[in-house]
Protein backbone atom coordinates (compact mmCIF):
# COMPACT_ATOMS: atom_id res chain seq x y z
CA MET A 1 2.12 7.62 27.90
CA PHE A 2 2.78 4.07 29.17
CA SER A 3 3.07 5.25 32.73
CA ALA A 4 -0.05 7.45 32.72
CA THR A 5 -1.91 4.66 31.31
CA CYS A 6 -0.77 2.47 33.94
CA ALA A 7 -1.85 4.92 36.76
CA VAL A 8 -5.20 5.18 35.33
CA LEU A 9 -5.83 1.46 34.87
CA ARG A 10 -4.59 1.07 38.72
CA ASN A 11 -7.07 3.72 39.80
CA ILE A 12 -9.96 2.04 37.99
CA ILE A 13 -9.01 -1.47 39.69
CA ASN A 14 -8.64 0.28 42.98
CA ASP A 15 -11.87 1.99 42.85
CA ARG A 16 -14.60 -0.12 44.37
CA SER A 17 -17.57 1.92 42.92
CA LYS A 18 -16.69 0.63 39.55
CA LEU A 19 -17.27 -3.03 39.86
CA ASN A 20 -17.93 -3.72 36.12
CA GLN A 21 -14.85 -2.18 34.94
CA ARG A 22 -12.50 -3.32 37.45
CA VAL A 23 -12.11 -6.90 36.06
CA GLU A 24 -11.47 -5.41 32.54
CA ALA A 25 -9.23 -2.88 33.86
CA HIS A 26 -7.10 -5.72 35.49
CA GLY A 27 -6.97 -7.68 32.22
CA VAL A 28 -5.96 -4.74 30.38
CA TYR A 29 -3.26 -3.89 32.94
CA ASP A 30 -2.07 -7.49 33.32
CA SER A 31 -1.84 -7.37 29.49
CA ILE A 32 0.18 -4.11 28.97
CA THR A 33 2.64 -4.40 31.77
CA SER A 34 3.92 -8.12 30.42
CA PHE A 35 7.16 -8.28 28.70
CA GLU A 36 5.74 -9.72 25.25
CA PHE A 37 3.53 -6.37 24.96
CA VAL A 38 6.42 -4.05 25.71
CA PHE A 39 8.58 -5.92 23.42
CA ILE A 40 6.46 -5.50 20.52
CA LEU A 41 5.60 -2.05 21.56
CA HIS A 42 9.25 -0.95 21.04
CA LEU A 43 9.41 -2.78 17.96
CA MET A 44 6.76 -1.06 16.36
CA ARG A 45 8.00 2.10 17.31
CA ASP A 46 11.72 1.41 15.90
CA ILE A 47 10.16 0.04 12.63
CA MET A 48 7.80 3.44 12.39
CA GLU A 49 11.00 5.63 13.13
CA ILE A 50 12.92 3.99 10.13
CA THR A 51 9.61 4.50 7.76
CA ASP A 52 8.21 7.67 8.98
CA ASP A 53 10.23 10.02 6.68
CA PHE A 54 9.19 7.57 3.54
CA CYS A 55 5.29 7.68 4.86
CA GLN A 56 5.60 11.37 5.25
CA ALA A 57 6.80 11.91 1.60
CA LEU A 58 4.17 9.58 0.14
CA GLN A 59 1.27 11.45 1.97
CA SER A 60 2.53 14.82 0.65
CA LYS A 61 0.36 16.52 -1.73
CA SER A 62 3.10 18.09 -4.05
CA GLN A 63 5.23 14.90 -4.22
CA ASP A 64 8.52 14.98 -5.52
CA ILE A 65 8.61 11.55 -7.14
CA LEU A 66 12.29 11.05 -7.46
CA ASN A 67 13.14 11.83 -3.87
CA ALA A 68 10.15 9.76 -2.88
CA MET A 69 11.82 6.89 -4.73
CA HIS A 70 15.11 7.48 -3.33
CA LEU A 71 13.61 7.34 0.22
CA VAL A 72 12.21 3.80 -1.27
CA SER A 73 15.92 2.68 -1.48
CA THR A 74 17.06 4.38 1.68
CA THR A 75 14.13 2.82 3.80
CA LYS A 76 15.03 -0.68 2.57
CA ILE A 77 18.63 -0.43 3.59
CA LEU A 78 17.78 0.75 6.90
CA THR A 79 14.96 -1.77 7.25
CA GLN A 80 17.75 -4.57 6.18
CA LYS A 81 20.24 -3.33 8.64
CA PHE A 82 17.82 -3.11 11.38
CA ARG A 83 17.03 -6.85 10.96
CA GLU A 84 20.82 -7.90 10.82
CA GLY A 85 22.08 -5.87 13.87
CA GLY A 86 18.86 -4.37 15.58
CA TRP A 87 18.19 -7.33 18.00
CA VAL A 88 20.72 -6.87 20.80
CA PRO A 89 20.23 -3.11 20.79
CA LEU A 90 16.44 -3.54 21.01
CA LEU A 91 16.58 -6.13 23.55
CA GLU A 92 19.09 -4.01 25.55
CA LYS A 93 16.59 -1.09 25.61
CA ILE A 94 13.46 -3.06 26.38
CA LYS A 95 15.20 -4.53 29.34
CA LEU A 96 15.98 -1.09 30.70
CA PHE A 97 12.46 0.04 29.94
CA SER A 98 11.12 -3.09 31.78
CA ASN A 99 13.66 -2.52 35.06
CA ASP A 100 12.22 1.12 35.41
CA HIS A 101 8.58 0.39 35.28
CA GLY A 102 8.56 -3.03 37.37
CA ILE A 103 7.98 -5.32 34.61
CA GLN A 104 9.43 -8.88 34.96
CA ILE A 105 11.87 -10.01 32.13
CA PRO A 106 11.81 -13.52 31.20
CA ASP A 107 14.73 -16.20 30.95
CA MET A 108 15.55 -16.04 27.29
CA SER A 109 17.15 -19.47 27.71
CA CYS A 110 13.68 -21.34 29.30
CA PRO A 111 11.84 -23.29 27.02
CA TYR A 112 8.84 -21.09 25.43
CA LYS A 113 5.40 -23.07 26.42
CA ARG A 114 2.23 -21.84 24.90
CA GLY A 115 -1.00 -23.51 24.42
CA ARG A 116 -1.86 -27.14 24.88
CA GLY A 117 -1.83 -30.70 23.43
CA ARG A 118 0.07 -31.00 20.20
CA SER A 119 0.78 -27.30 19.39
CA ARG A 120 2.28 -26.99 23.03
CA SER A 121 4.67 -30.32 22.50
CA LYS A 122 6.12 -29.12 19.39
CA ARG A 123 7.08 -25.81 20.87
CA ASP A 124 8.69 -27.12 24.03
CA GLN A 125 12.06 -27.52 22.40
CA LEU A 126 11.99 -23.67 21.43
CA THR A 127 13.64 -20.86 23.63
CA MET A 128 12.04 -17.77 24.82
CA GLU A 129 14.91 -16.02 22.81
CA HIS A 130 13.81 -17.87 19.54
CA HIS A 131 10.08 -16.80 20.24
CA PHE A 132 10.88 -13.25 20.51
CA ARG A 133 13.83 -13.06 18.13
CA VAL A 134 12.53 -15.27 15.25
CA ASP A 135 8.69 -15.36 15.72
CA ILE A 136 8.22 -12.22 16.39
CA PHE A 137 11.38 -9.63 15.41
CA MET A 138 12.32 -11.42 12.36
CA VAL A 139 8.94 -12.15 10.92
CA THR A 140 7.97 -8.48 11.55
CA VAL A 141 10.94 -7.09 9.96
CA ASP A 142 10.63 -9.66 7.13
CA SER A 143 6.55 -8.59 6.72
CA GLN A 144 7.79 -4.85 6.57
CA LEU A 145 10.29 -5.80 3.76
CA GLN A 146 8.22 -7.94 1.85
CA LYS A 147 5.58 -5.10 1.57
CA LEU A 148 8.07 -2.79 0.51
CA ASN A 149 9.83 -4.88 -2.30
CA ASN A 150 6.19 -6.11 -3.52
CA ARG A 151 4.46 -2.57 -3.52
CA PHE A 152 7.97 -0.88 -4.79
CA LYS A 153 9.70 -3.20 -7.15
CA LYS A 154 12.61 -2.19 -9.39
CA ASP A 155 10.40 -1.80 -12.66
CA VAL A 156 7.90 0.23 -10.82
CA MET A 157 10.45 2.66 -9.53
CA GLU A 158 12.25 3.04 -12.50
CA LEU A 159 8.69 3.83 -14.09
CA LEU A 160 8.00 6.17 -11.29
CA VAL A 161 11.61 7.79 -12.02
CA LEU A 162 11.66 8.18 -15.64
CA SER A 163 7.70 9.81 -15.28
CA SER A 164 9.39 12.39 -13.30
CA ALA A 165 11.41 13.80 -16.21
CA LEU A 166 8.38 15.18 -17.34
CA ASP A 167 7.85 17.23 -14.32
CA PRO A 168 7.81 20.86 -14.62
CA ARG A 169 8.53 21.90 -11.37
CA ASP A 170 11.45 24.47 -10.76
CA SER A 171 11.68 25.23 -14.05
CA TYR A 172 11.78 21.90 -15.37
CA ARG A 173 15.06 21.04 -13.56
CA SER A 174 14.16 17.12 -13.84
CA PHE A 175 13.67 17.18 -17.67
CA ASN A 176 15.68 14.71 -19.43
CA ILE A 177 15.35 13.92 -23.11
CA LYS A 178 16.98 10.54 -22.78
CA ASP A 179 14.93 9.69 -19.75
CA ILE A 180 11.49 10.44 -21.58
CA CYS A 181 12.50 8.21 -24.56
CA LYS A 182 13.58 5.65 -22.51
CA LEU A 183 10.39 5.84 -20.92
CA ALA A 184 8.26 5.61 -24.13
CA ASN A 185 10.53 2.68 -25.57
CA LYS A 186 10.20 0.62 -22.55
CA PHE A 187 7.29 1.15 -20.80
CA TYR A 188 4.70 2.29 -23.80
CA PRO A 189 6.13 0.41 -26.70
CA MET A 190 2.49 -0.56 -28.02
CA ASP A 191 1.61 3.07 -27.86
CA PHE A 192 4.24 4.67 -30.36
CA SER A 193 5.22 3.14 -33.69
CA GLU A 194 8.79 2.89 -34.45
CA GLN A 195 8.60 5.78 -36.46
CA GLU A 196 7.20 8.14 -33.89
CA LYS A 197 9.55 6.87 -31.04
CA LEU A 198 12.47 8.15 -33.48
CA HIS A 199 10.54 11.12 -34.09
CA LEU A 200 10.29 11.84 -30.42
CA LYS A 201 13.70 12.88 -29.47
CA TYR A 202 13.56 15.75 -31.83
CA GLN A 203 10.10 16.81 -31.00
CA LEU A 204 11.48 16.75 -27.34
CA GLU A 205 14.31 19.25 -28.42
CA ASN A 206 12.08 21.39 -29.75
CA TYR A 207 9.67 21.33 -27.08
CA LYS A 208 12.69 22.00 -24.54
CA LEU A 209 13.58 25.31 -26.43
CA ASP A 210 9.92 26.40 -26.98
CA ILE A 211 8.62 26.21 -23.38
CA SER A 212 12.22 27.81 -22.08
CA ILE A 213 10.90 31.19 -23.42
CA LEU A 214 6.99 30.61 -22.79
CA PRO A 215 6.31 32.43 -19.32
CA GLU A 216 2.80 30.77 -18.78
CA PHE A 217 4.94 27.08 -18.79
CA GLN A 218 7.32 28.59 -16.30
CA LYS A 219 4.84 28.49 -13.33
CA LEU A 220 3.65 25.11 -13.68
CA SER A 221 4.42 22.63 -10.60
CA THR A 222 2.59 19.23 -11.51
CA ILE A 223 2.31 17.25 -14.75
CA SER A 224 -1.11 17.49 -14.70
CA GLU A 225 -1.20 21.16 -14.96
CA LEU A 226 1.25 20.95 -17.96
CA CYS A 227 -0.98 18.85 -19.88
CA GLN A 228 -3.59 21.34 -19.31
CA MET A 229 -1.59 24.11 -20.47
CA LEU A 230 -0.66 22.14 -23.54
CA ALA A 231 -4.20 21.76 -24.25
CA LYS A 232 -4.99 25.58 -23.51
CA THR A 233 -2.44 26.95 -25.43
CA LYS A 234 -2.84 24.48 -28.46
CA LYS A 235 0.81 23.58 -28.07
CA SER A 236 -0.79 19.73 -27.90
CA THR A 237 -1.10 19.82 -31.57
CA SER A 238 2.39 20.80 -31.94
CA TYR A 239 3.81 18.27 -30.05
CA PRO A 240 1.51 15.40 -29.98
CA LEU A 241 3.76 12.66 -29.25
CA ILE A 242 4.72 14.63 -25.88
CA ASP A 243 1.05 15.12 -25.26
CA ARG A 244 0.18 11.60 -25.48
CA LEU A 245 3.37 10.48 -23.53
CA ILE A 246 1.76 12.89 -20.69
CA ARG A 247 -1.38 11.67 -20.79
CA LEU A 248 -0.54 8.04 -20.57
CA VAL A 249 1.56 8.99 -17.49
CA LEU A 250 -1.21 10.83 -15.85
CA THR A 251 -3.35 7.30 -16.00
CA LEU A 252 -0.78 5.40 -14.09
CA PRO A 253 -2.24 6.62 -10.77
CA VAL A 254 -5.71 5.89 -11.90
CA SER A 255 -4.90 2.49 -13.24
CA THR A 256 -2.73 1.60 -9.86
CA ALA A 257 -5.68 2.58 -7.56
CA THR A 258 -8.09 0.73 -9.39
CA SER A 259 -6.09 -2.36 -9.30
CA GLU A 260 -5.43 -1.60 -5.47
CA ARG A 261 -9.26 -1.10 -4.84
CA ALA A 262 -10.05 -4.26 -6.83
CA PHE A 263 -7.62 -6.39 -4.50
CA SER A 264 -8.92 -4.77 -1.20
CA VAL A 265 -12.41 -5.83 -2.04
CA MET A 266 -11.39 -9.12 -3.14
CA LYS A 267 -10.24 -9.58 0.42
CA LEU A 268 -13.74 -8.58 1.46
CA ILE A 269 -15.86 -10.48 -0.64
CA LYS A 270 -13.91 -13.75 -0.65
CA SER A 271 -13.62 -14.20 3.20
CA LYS A 272 -13.46 -17.35 4.95
CA LEU A 273 -16.98 -18.24 5.01
CA ARG A 274 -17.00 -17.75 1.23
CA ASN A 275 -13.49 -19.09 0.19
CA ARG A 276 -14.93 -21.85 -2.45
CA ILE A 277 -16.81 -19.35 -4.35
CA GLU A 278 -16.55 -19.96 -8.21
CA ASP A 279 -14.74 -17.26 -10.34
CA GLY A 280 -17.68 -16.02 -12.32
CA PHE A 281 -19.72 -15.49 -8.90
CA LEU A 282 -16.85 -13.77 -7.63
CA ALA A 283 -16.46 -11.38 -10.63
CA SER A 284 -20.08 -10.50 -10.41
CA CYS A 285 -19.96 -9.89 -6.59
CA LEU A 286 -16.61 -7.62 -7.37
CA ILE A 287 -18.48 -5.67 -9.96
CA THR A 288 -21.43 -4.68 -8.12
CA TYR A 289 -19.17 -3.93 -4.90
CA ILE A 290 -16.81 -1.71 -6.85
CA GLU A 291 -19.11 0.08 -9.07
CA LYS A 292 -21.55 0.96 -6.19
CA ASP A 293 -22.53 4.33 -7.69
CA ILE A 294 -23.60 2.27 -10.60
CA ALA A 295 -25.74 -0.44 -9.01
CA ARG A 296 -27.29 2.05 -6.46
CA GLY A 297 -29.22 2.92 -9.76
CA PHE A 298 -30.84 -0.36 -10.37
CA ASP A 299 -34.39 -0.87 -9.39
CA VAL A 300 -35.17 -4.26 -7.45
CA ASP A 301 -38.14 -4.64 -9.40
CA SER A 302 -36.29 -4.20 -12.66
CA ILE A 303 -33.77 -7.04 -11.38
CA ILE A 304 -36.73 -9.18 -10.62
CA HIS A 305 -38.04 -8.71 -13.94
CA ALA A 306 -35.04 -9.34 -15.96
CA PHE A 307 -34.53 -12.74 -14.17
CA GLY A 308 -38.16 -13.55 -14.75
CA ILE A 309 -37.46 -12.87 -18.51
CA THR A 310 -34.38 -14.93 -18.59
CA LYS A 311 -36.39 -17.74 -16.72
CA GLU A 312 -39.40 -17.88 -19.11
CA ARG A 313 -36.85 -17.67 -22.31
CA GLN A 314 -34.83 -20.88 -20.49
CA VAL A 315 -38.46 -22.71 -20.43
CA GLN A 316 -39.21 -21.97 -24.03
CA LEU A 317 -36.06 -23.14 -25.07
CA LYS A 318 -36.26 -26.38 -23.31
CA MET A 319 -40.11 -27.18 -24.46
CA PRO A 320 -40.28 -29.37 -27.42
CA ASN A 321 -41.72 -28.49 -30.46
CA PHE A 322 -44.55 -30.71 -31.45
CA SER A 323 -46.06 -28.66 -34.38
CA LYS A 324 -43.03 -30.13 -36.54
């Protein structure tokens, strides 16, 4: 759509009946036909091509956790390879694109100058190649790698992979007693006693044979459905340790989403204008912002009345008692 967008902007610039839009269109046209814009555009496309399969897997309604975790590893490897050897092919591709669309290509050996005063004098020694290769290319790719490493750490990936051993899909193809026992021992040590950890292995062996002959357990596709079927057929009382472990695994998305939600809200509450907010007041603001449904139920008059009572109590405590 690059050529079509440029054609539309040129039509607006040349149309004398749209005086108000001509200046704005001219500024937009100058921006998108600059080499830096084209460079960032191609860089974004290459990164999105690397991460597309992984993003599609995460957005799938029926997620295959094990394959999704494999995509995490391959995405990290491909992103690292792109960082190490993707600069020259990317630059050559951008130069061909620029020549085809009449975009001026800067001399990469020339000094990069931007800004005024001290900021400009400090960067006069940097070349255009350094600006595009280090300041844009490497910084962007490193940011993607950092997000992948922070969001999908080794212990988190191991937790998800081990949890997939409980997946009932495809006639319990991923079922693995060793992985399930490792899941309970490593990630939920406080939820099972030492005796229960030892008994879990034998309970899993009985469970494996039991569900293989029950037709209602063969049509399940999610761990949530498995938990419901265990409760429906009263198997949860026969296999209490397995039922407990499944329930713990099912709380994982909820706890993760709650943490992500809290951190997202923190960025909204503690902004640049309120960067010196104290912890107590920040916690109160976060609670009211996160629990909006509960906060909407409070009446303004009741809040004022509560503050009034608190103030009266403080005054009474401060007043000296002369009766004594």
